[in-house]
């Protein structure tokens, strides 16, 4: 098992970050890592996801949505061919950071993937995927902070 995770503090309310995370149609405009998602964020639904890790090959796959906890967590599970060959469990977590007034005007954002399977040691490029997570988290922060500034 291999796990990659990246955190980012975002100067925007959790509601804003959640909205942007689920606006799949806008991903090509701002997201340098997950450049396309088609489908609905509903448990049991199959998505079509295209990722473009830095300095690596792009990939399109069809994971299944396994968790949608509104305002808190969105997750999917993808696999290569059959179970336990190359499985990935991808999670996005949104956690409010309360300000001095008790209101959550900031967000702690986590993107994590847990990989399992016999091909993981041979196929996974941890550095490239980690850099992709960082690029996406940074772009999400910039977009959410800009949106929050206009409200």
N, C-alpha and C. Protein backbone atom coordinates (compact mmCIF):
# COMPACT_ATOMS: atom_id res chain seq x y z
N UNK A 1 0.84 -1.18 0.00
CA UNK A 1 0.00 0.00 0.00
C UNK A 1 0.89 1.24 0.00
N UNK A 2 0.51 2.21 -0.82
CA UNK A 2 1.20 3.49 -0.88
C UNK A 2 0.16 4.58 -0.73
N UNK A 3 0.51 5.63 0.00
CA UNK A 3 -0.43 6.74 0.20
C UNK A 3 0.28 8.05 -0.14
N UNK A 4 -0.46 8.88 -0.86
CA UNK A 4 0.03 10.22 -1.19
C UNK A 4 -1.03 11.19 -0.70
N UNK A 5 -0.60 12.22 0.03
CA UNK A 5 -1.56 13.23 0.47
C UNK A 5 -0.90 14.60 0.51
N UNK A 6 -1.72 15.59 0.21
CA UNK A 6 -1.27 16.98 0.24
C UNK A 6 -2.37 17.83 0.86
N UNK A 7 -1.96 18.73 1.76
CA UNK A 7 -2.87 19.65 2.43
C UNK A 7 -2.67 21.05 1.88
N UNK A 8 -3.72 21.85 2.02
CA UNK A 8 -3.63 23.27 1.64
C UNK A 8 -4.61 24.05 2.49
N UNK A 9 -4.16 25.13 3.07
CA UNK A 9 -5.07 26.03 3.77
C UNK A 9 -5.56 27.05 2.75
N UNK A 10 -6.87 27.25 2.72
CA UNK A 10 -7.49 28.12 1.72
C UNK A 10 -8.24 29.24 2.44
N UNK A 11 -8.00 30.46 2.04
CA UNK A 11 -8.64 31.63 2.64
C UNK A 11 -10.01 31.86 2.01
N UNK A 12 -10.87 30.86 2.19
CA UNK A 12 -12.25 30.90 1.67
C UNK A 12 -13.07 29.97 2.55
N UNK A 13 -14.36 30.25 2.68
CA UNK A 13 -15.21 29.38 3.50
C UNK A 13 -15.33 27.98 2.90
N UNK A 14 -15.56 26.98 3.75
CA UNK A 14 -15.69 25.60 3.26
C UNK A 14 -16.78 25.44 2.20
N UNK A 15 -17.86 26.18 2.32
CA UNK A 15 -18.96 26.08 1.35
C UNK A 15 -18.48 26.45 -0.06
N UNK A 16 -17.63 27.46 -0.13
CA UNK A 16 -17.10 27.91 -1.43
C UNK A 16 -16.19 26.83 -2.02
N UNK A 17 -15.33 26.27 -1.20
CA UNK A 17 -14.41 25.23 -1.67
C UNK A 17 -15.20 24.00 -2.13
N UNK A 18 -16.21 23.61 -1.37
CA UNK A 18 -17.05 22.46 -1.73
C UNK A 18 -17.73 22.69 -3.08
N UNK A 19 -18.31 23.86 -3.27
CA UNK A 19 -18.98 24.18 -4.54
C UNK A 19 -18.03 24.03 -5.71
N UNK A 20 -16.83 24.58 -5.55
CA UNK A 20 -15.85 24.54 -6.64
C UNK A 20 -15.38 23.11 -6.92
N UNK A 21 -15.25 22.32 -5.86
CA UNK A 21 -14.81 20.94 -6.03
C UNK A 21 -15.81 20.14 -6.86
N UNK A 22 -17.10 20.44 -6.72
CA UNK A 22 -18.12 19.68 -7.45
C UNK A 22 -18.55 20.33 -8.76
N UNK A 23 -17.98 21.45 -9.13
CA UNK A 23 -18.26 22.08 -10.43
C UNK A 23 -17.37 21.43 -11.49
N UNK A 24 -17.68 20.19 -11.80
CA UNK A 24 -16.84 19.41 -12.72
C UNK A 24 -16.68 20.08 -14.08
N UNK A 25 -17.75 20.70 -14.58
CA UNK A 25 -17.69 21.31 -15.91
C UNK A 25 -16.66 22.43 -16.01
N UNK A 26 -16.26 23.00 -14.87
CA UNK A 26 -15.29 24.10 -14.87
C UNK A 26 -13.85 23.60 -14.74
N UNK A 27 -13.62 22.33 -14.47
CA UNK A 27 -12.27 21.82 -14.26
C UNK A 27 -11.29 22.18 -15.39
N UNK A 28 -11.69 22.08 -16.66
CA UNK A 28 -10.73 22.42 -17.72
C UNK A 28 -10.24 23.88 -17.65
N UNK A 29 -11.02 24.76 -17.03
CA UNK A 29 -10.64 26.18 -16.93
C UNK A 29 -9.53 26.42 -15.92
N UNK A 30 -9.47 25.61 -14.87
CA UNK A 30 -8.57 25.96 -13.78
C UNK A 30 -7.70 24.82 -13.26
N UNK A 31 -8.07 23.58 -13.50
CA UNK A 31 -7.41 22.46 -12.83
C UNK A 31 -6.29 21.88 -13.69
N UNK A 32 -5.04 22.03 -13.27
CA UNK A 32 -3.92 21.51 -14.06
C UNK A 32 -3.68 20.01 -13.91
N UNK A 33 -4.31 19.38 -12.92
CA UNK A 33 -4.08 17.96 -12.67
C UNK A 33 -5.27 17.10 -13.09
N UNK A 34 -6.43 17.34 -12.50
CA UNK A 34 -7.65 16.64 -12.92
C UNK A 34 -8.31 17.55 -13.95
N UNK A 35 -7.99 17.32 -15.20
CA UNK A 35 -8.40 18.26 -16.24
C UNK A 35 -9.81 18.04 -16.76
N UNK A 36 -10.41 16.91 -16.37
CA UNK A 36 -11.77 16.64 -16.82
C UNK A 36 -12.43 15.61 -15.92
N UNK A 37 -13.67 15.90 -15.54
CA UNK A 37 -14.52 14.91 -14.86
C UNK A 37 -15.89 14.98 -15.50
N UNK A 38 -16.38 13.83 -15.90
CA UNK A 38 -17.75 13.72 -16.40
C UNK A 38 -18.50 12.76 -15.48
N UNK A 39 -19.74 13.11 -15.20
CA UNK A 39 -20.56 12.27 -14.33
C UNK A 39 -21.14 13.11 -13.21
N UNK A 40 -21.82 12.40 -12.32
CA UNK A 40 -22.48 13.08 -11.20
C UNK A 40 -21.84 12.65 -9.87
N UNK A 41 -21.66 13.59 -8.95
CA UNK A 41 -21.10 13.25 -7.65
C UNK A 41 -22.14 12.60 -6.73
N UNK A 42 -22.50 11.38 -7.08
CA UNK A 42 -23.52 10.63 -6.35
C UNK A 42 -22.96 9.23 -6.08
N UNK A 43 -23.09 8.76 -4.83
CA UNK A 43 -22.58 7.43 -4.49
C UNK A 43 -23.11 6.38 -5.46
N UNK A 44 -22.20 5.53 -5.92
CA UNK A 44 -22.54 4.46 -6.85
C UNK A 44 -22.41 4.85 -8.31
N UNK A 45 -22.32 6.14 -8.61
CA UNK A 45 -22.18 6.60 -9.99
C UNK A 45 -20.77 6.37 -10.50
N UNK A 46 -20.66 6.09 -11.78
CA UNK A 46 -19.37 5.96 -12.43
C UNK A 46 -19.01 7.30 -13.05
N UNK A 47 -17.77 7.73 -12.83
CA UNK A 47 -17.28 8.97 -13.41
C UNK A 47 -16.31 8.64 -14.54
N UNK A 48 -16.04 9.63 -15.35
CA UNK A 48 -14.95 9.55 -16.33
C UNK A 48 -13.99 10.66 -15.95
N UNK A 49 -12.77 10.30 -15.56
CA UNK A 49 -11.80 11.25 -15.02
C UNK A 49 -10.52 11.23 -15.85
N UNK A 50 -10.03 12.41 -16.19
CA UNK A 50 -8.76 12.52 -16.90
C UNK A 50 -7.78 13.28 -16.01
N UNK A 51 -6.62 12.67 -15.76
CA UNK A 51 -5.58 13.33 -14.99
C UNK A 51 -4.37 13.55 -15.88
N UNK A 52 -3.65 14.64 -15.57
CA UNK A 52 -2.43 14.97 -16.30
C UNK A 52 -1.33 15.29 -15.30
N UNK A 53 -0.68 14.26 -14.75
CA UNK A 53 0.39 14.49 -13.79
C UNK A 53 1.57 15.19 -14.45
N UNK A 54 2.23 16.11 -13.75
CA UNK A 54 3.40 16.78 -14.32
C UNK A 54 4.48 15.76 -14.69
N UNK A 55 5.08 15.95 -15.84
CA UNK A 55 6.19 15.11 -16.29
C UNK A 55 5.85 13.63 -16.34
N UNK A 56 4.60 13.33 -16.66
CA UNK A 56 4.17 11.94 -16.75
C UNK A 56 3.06 11.84 -17.79
N UNK A 57 2.65 10.63 -18.10
CA UNK A 57 1.60 10.44 -19.09
C UNK A 57 0.23 10.75 -18.50
N UNK A 58 -0.62 11.33 -19.33
CA UNK A 58 -2.00 11.55 -18.91
C UNK A 58 -2.72 10.21 -18.92
N UNK A 59 -3.85 10.18 -18.20
CA UNK A 59 -4.58 8.94 -18.08
C UNK A 59 -6.06 9.24 -17.91
N UNK A 60 -6.90 8.46 -18.54
CA UNK A 60 -8.34 8.56 -18.37
C UNK A 60 -8.83 7.25 -17.79
N UNK A 61 -9.65 7.33 -16.76
CA UNK A 61 -10.15 6.12 -16.10
C UNK A 61 -11.58 6.36 -15.64
N UNK A 62 -12.24 5.32 -15.19
CA UNK A 62 -13.66 5.38 -14.81
C UNK A 62 -13.87 4.86 -13.39
N UNK A 63 -13.62 5.72 -12.40
CA UNK A 63 -13.82 5.30 -11.02
C UNK A 63 -15.30 5.36 -10.62
N UNK A 64 -15.61 4.74 -9.51
CA UNK A 64 -16.96 4.76 -8.95
C UNK A 64 -16.96 5.64 -7.71
N UNK A 65 -17.94 6.51 -7.60
CA UNK A 65 -18.08 7.37 -6.43
C UNK A 65 -18.46 6.49 -5.24
N UNK A 66 -17.68 6.60 -4.16
CA UNK A 66 -17.94 5.76 -2.99
C UNK A 66 -18.36 6.57 -1.76
N UNK A 67 -18.18 7.90 -1.79
CA UNK A 67 -18.60 8.72 -0.66
C UNK A 67 -18.86 10.15 -1.10
N UNK A 68 -19.98 10.68 -0.65
CA UNK A 68 -20.29 12.09 -0.83
C UNK A 68 -20.91 12.55 0.49
N UNK A 69 -20.11 13.21 1.29
CA UNK A 69 -20.57 13.79 2.54
C UNK A 69 -20.58 15.29 2.32
N UNK A 70 -21.75 15.87 1.99
CA UNK A 70 -21.82 17.28 1.58
C UNK A 70 -21.07 18.23 2.50
N UNK A 71 -20.21 19.00 1.86
CA UNK A 71 -19.42 19.99 2.57
C UNK A 71 -18.21 19.44 3.29
N UNK A 72 -18.02 18.12 3.26
CA UNK A 72 -16.93 17.52 4.03
C UNK A 72 -16.00 16.59 3.25
N UNK A 73 -16.60 15.67 2.45
CA UNK A 73 -15.77 14.64 1.82
C UNK A 73 -16.40 14.16 0.52
N UNK A 74 -15.52 13.95 -0.46
CA UNK A 74 -15.91 13.38 -1.74
C UNK A 74 -14.83 12.35 -2.08
N UNK A 75 -15.24 11.11 -2.43
CA UNK A 75 -14.24 10.07 -2.68
C UNK A 75 -14.71 9.14 -3.79
N UNK A 76 -13.72 8.57 -4.50
CA UNK A 76 -14.00 7.57 -5.52
C UNK A 76 -12.98 6.45 -5.43
N UNK A 77 -13.33 5.30 -6.03
CA UNK A 77 -12.43 4.17 -6.11
C UNK A 77 -12.28 3.79 -7.58
N UNK A 78 -11.04 3.68 -8.01
CA UNK A 78 -10.76 3.26 -9.37
C UNK A 78 -9.87 2.04 -9.35
N UNK A 79 -9.90 1.30 -10.45
CA UNK A 79 -9.02 0.13 -10.51
C UNK A 79 -8.62 -0.13 -11.96
N UNK A 80 -7.49 -0.78 -12.08
CA UNK A 80 -6.97 -1.18 -13.38
C UNK A 80 -7.33 -2.65 -13.58
N UNK A 81 -8.14 -2.90 -14.57
CA UNK A 81 -8.56 -4.25 -14.93
C UNK A 81 -9.40 -4.93 -13.85
N UNK A 82 -8.76 -5.64 -12.95
CA UNK A 82 -9.49 -6.40 -11.93
C UNK A 82 -9.01 -5.95 -10.54
N UNK A 83 -9.78 -6.23 -9.51
CA UNK A 83 -9.37 -5.82 -8.16
C UNK A 83 -8.00 -6.37 -7.77
N UNK A 84 -7.28 -5.54 -7.01
CA UNK A 84 -5.99 -5.88 -6.40
C UNK A 84 -4.83 -5.95 -7.39
N UNK A 85 -5.03 -5.44 -8.60
CA UNK A 85 -3.92 -5.31 -9.53
C UNK A 85 -3.32 -3.91 -9.36
N UNK A 86 -4.17 -2.89 -9.48
CA UNK A 86 -3.77 -1.50 -9.24
C UNK A 86 -5.05 -0.74 -8.88
N UNK A 87 -5.33 -0.62 -7.60
CA UNK A 87 -6.52 0.06 -7.11
C UNK A 87 -6.14 1.39 -6.49
N UNK A 88 -6.98 2.39 -6.69
CA UNK A 88 -6.76 3.68 -6.07
C UNK A 88 -8.02 4.17 -5.39
N UNK A 89 -7.88 4.63 -4.16
CA UNK A 89 -8.98 5.22 -3.41
C UNK A 89 -8.63 6.68 -3.22
N UNK A 90 -9.37 7.57 -3.92
CA UNK A 90 -9.07 9.01 -3.94
C UNK A 90 -10.07 9.75 -3.08
N UNK A 91 -9.56 10.63 -2.21
CA UNK A 91 -10.41 11.38 -1.30
C UNK A 91 -10.08 12.86 -1.33
N UNK A 92 -11.13 13.67 -1.20
CA UNK A 92 -10.99 15.10 -0.97
C UNK A 92 -11.69 15.38 0.35
N UNK A 93 -11.01 16.02 1.28
CA UNK A 93 -11.60 16.36 2.57
C UNK A 93 -11.58 17.87 2.75
N UNK A 94 -12.67 18.40 3.27
CA UNK A 94 -12.80 19.82 3.54
C UNK A 94 -13.08 19.99 5.03
N UNK A 95 -12.23 20.77 5.68
CA UNK A 95 -12.37 20.97 7.13
C UNK A 95 -12.40 22.47 7.42
N UNK A 96 -13.42 22.95 8.12
CA UNK A 96 -13.49 24.38 8.43
C UNK A 96 -12.42 24.78 9.44
N UNK A 97 -11.91 25.98 9.26
CA UNK A 97 -11.00 26.59 10.22
C UNK A 97 -11.72 27.83 10.74
N UNK A 98 -12.08 27.79 12.01
CA UNK A 98 -12.84 28.89 12.58
C UNK A 98 -11.95 30.09 12.85
N UNK A 99 -12.52 31.26 12.57
CA UNK A 99 -11.84 32.52 12.88
C UNK A 99 -12.13 32.92 14.31
N UNK A 100 -11.67 34.10 14.68
CA UNK A 100 -11.87 34.60 16.03
C UNK A 100 -13.34 34.83 16.38
N UNK A 101 -14.17 35.00 15.37
CA UNK A 101 -15.60 35.24 15.61
C UNK A 101 -16.42 33.95 15.62
N UNK A 102 -15.76 32.81 15.54
CA UNK A 102 -16.46 31.53 15.55
C UNK A 102 -16.98 31.10 14.19
N UNK A 103 -16.83 31.95 13.18
CA UNK A 103 -17.25 31.62 11.82
C UNK A 103 -16.10 30.95 11.07
N UNK A 104 -16.43 30.00 10.21
CA UNK A 104 -15.41 29.32 9.41
C UNK A 104 -15.20 30.10 8.12
N UNK A 105 -14.16 30.94 8.12
CA UNK A 105 -13.88 31.73 6.92
C UNK A 105 -12.64 31.22 6.19
N UNK A 106 -12.09 30.12 6.68
CA UNK A 106 -10.93 29.48 6.06
C UNK A 106 -11.20 27.98 6.00
N UNK A 107 -10.45 27.31 5.14
CA UNK A 107 -10.66 25.88 4.93
C UNK A 107 -9.32 25.16 4.90
N UNK A 108 -9.29 24.00 5.51
CA UNK A 108 -8.15 23.10 5.37
C UNK A 108 -8.60 22.04 4.37
N UNK A 109 -7.89 21.95 3.26
CA UNK A 109 -8.24 21.05 2.17
C UNK A 109 -7.21 19.93 2.09
N UNK A 110 -7.69 18.70 2.03
CA UNK A 110 -6.81 17.54 1.91
C UNK A 110 -7.18 16.76 0.66
N UNK A 111 -6.17 16.41 -0.09
CA UNK A 111 -6.34 15.49 -1.22
C UNK A 111 -5.45 14.29 -0.94
N UNK A 112 -6.04 13.09 -0.97
CA UNK A 112 -5.31 11.88 -0.61
C UNK A 112 -5.68 10.75 -1.57
N UNK A 113 -4.68 9.94 -1.89
CA UNK A 113 -4.94 8.71 -2.65
C UNK A 113 -4.18 7.58 -1.99
N UNK A 114 -4.88 6.48 -1.82
CA UNK A 114 -4.28 5.27 -1.28
C UNK A 114 -4.28 4.24 -2.40
N UNK A 115 -3.10 3.74 -2.74
CA UNK A 115 -2.95 2.78 -3.82
C UNK A 115 -2.65 1.40 -3.25
N UNK A 116 -3.29 0.39 -3.85
CA UNK A 116 -3.05 -1.01 -3.45
C UNK A 116 -3.00 -1.87 -4.71
N UNK A 117 -2.26 -2.93 -4.62
CA UNK A 117 -2.22 -3.89 -5.72
C UNK A 117 -0.81 -4.30 -6.09
N UNK A 118 -0.71 -5.39 -6.82
CA UNK A 118 0.59 -5.95 -7.17
C UNK A 118 1.39 -5.07 -8.12
N UNK A 119 0.72 -4.24 -8.92
CA UNK A 119 1.45 -3.39 -9.87
C UNK A 119 1.87 -2.03 -9.30
N UNK A 120 1.40 -1.69 -8.11
CA UNK A 120 1.69 -0.37 -7.54
C UNK A 120 3.19 -0.06 -7.51
N UNK A 121 4.04 -0.96 -7.03
CA UNK A 121 5.47 -0.64 -6.99
C UNK A 121 6.09 -0.38 -8.37
N UNK A 122 5.46 -0.90 -9.41
CA UNK A 122 6.04 -0.80 -10.74
C UNK A 122 5.45 0.32 -11.58
N UNK A 123 4.23 0.76 -11.25
CA UNK A 123 3.50 1.71 -12.08
C UNK A 123 3.41 3.10 -11.45
N UNK A 124 3.31 3.18 -10.14
CA UNK A 124 3.06 4.45 -9.46
C UNK A 124 4.28 5.36 -9.47
N UNK A 125 4.10 6.58 -9.94
CA UNK A 125 5.12 7.63 -9.88
C UNK A 125 4.69 8.61 -8.79
N UNK A 126 5.11 8.32 -7.55
CA UNK A 126 4.67 9.12 -6.39
C UNK A 126 5.01 10.60 -6.54
N UNK A 127 6.19 10.91 -7.06
CA UNK A 127 6.60 12.31 -7.18
C UNK A 127 5.70 13.07 -8.13
N UNK A 128 5.38 12.47 -9.25
CA UNK A 128 4.54 13.12 -10.24
C UNK A 128 3.12 13.30 -9.73
N UNK A 129 2.56 12.28 -9.09
CA UNK A 129 1.21 12.38 -8.55
C UNK A 129 1.18 13.42 -7.43
N UNK A 130 2.17 13.41 -6.56
CA UNK A 130 2.24 14.40 -5.49
C UNK A 130 2.32 15.82 -6.03
N UNK A 131 3.11 16.01 -7.08
CA UNK A 131 3.21 17.34 -7.70
C UNK A 131 1.88 17.73 -8.33
N UNK A 132 1.17 16.76 -8.90
CA UNK A 132 -0.16 17.04 -9.45
C UNK A 132 -1.14 17.46 -8.38
N UNK A 133 -1.11 16.78 -7.22
CA UNK A 133 -1.97 17.16 -6.11
C UNK A 133 -1.67 18.59 -5.68
N UNK A 134 -0.38 18.91 -5.54
CA UNK A 134 0.00 20.26 -5.12
C UNK A 134 -0.48 21.31 -6.12
N UNK A 135 -0.33 21.03 -7.41
CA UNK A 135 -0.77 21.98 -8.43
C UNK A 135 -2.28 22.17 -8.38
N UNK A 136 -3.03 21.10 -8.22
CA UNK A 136 -4.48 21.22 -8.14
C UNK A 136 -4.89 21.97 -6.88
N UNK A 137 -4.31 21.64 -5.74
CA UNK A 137 -4.66 22.30 -4.50
C UNK A 137 -4.38 23.80 -4.57
N UNK A 138 -3.25 24.16 -5.16
CA UNK A 138 -2.89 25.58 -5.32
C UNK A 138 -3.90 26.28 -6.22
N UNK A 139 -4.25 25.67 -7.34
CA UNK A 139 -5.21 26.28 -8.27
C UNK A 139 -6.60 26.39 -7.64
N UNK A 140 -7.00 25.37 -6.88
CA UNK A 140 -8.29 25.42 -6.20
C UNK A 140 -8.30 26.56 -5.19
N UNK A 141 -7.21 26.72 -4.45
CA UNK A 141 -7.12 27.80 -3.47
C UNK A 141 -7.23 29.16 -4.16
N UNK A 142 -6.51 29.35 -5.24
CA UNK A 142 -6.55 30.64 -5.95
C UNK A 142 -7.96 30.94 -6.44
N UNK A 143 -8.61 29.95 -7.00
CA UNK A 143 -9.97 30.14 -7.55
C UNK A 143 -10.99 30.39 -6.43
N UNK A 144 -10.92 29.62 -5.35
CA UNK A 144 -11.86 29.78 -4.24
C UNK A 144 -11.64 31.11 -3.53
N UNK A 145 -10.39 31.51 -3.35
CA UNK A 145 -10.11 32.77 -2.70
C UNK A 145 -10.59 33.94 -3.54
N UNK A 146 -10.45 33.84 -4.86
CA UNK A 146 -10.94 34.90 -5.74
C UNK A 146 -12.47 34.97 -5.66
N UNK A 147 -13.14 33.83 -5.66
CA UNK A 147 -14.60 33.82 -5.58
C UNK A 147 -15.07 34.39 -4.23
N UNK A 148 -14.40 33.98 -3.15
CA UNK A 148 -14.79 34.46 -1.82
C UNK A 148 -14.60 35.97 -1.69
N UNK A 149 -13.61 36.52 -2.39
CA UNK A 149 -13.35 37.95 -2.32
C UNK A 149 -14.44 38.78 -2.98
N UNK A 150 -15.20 38.16 -3.89
CA UNK A 150 -16.25 38.90 -4.60
C UNK A 150 -17.59 38.80 -3.91
N UNK A 151 -17.68 38.00 -2.86
CA UNK A 151 -18.97 37.83 -2.16
C UNK A 151 -19.14 38.88 -1.09
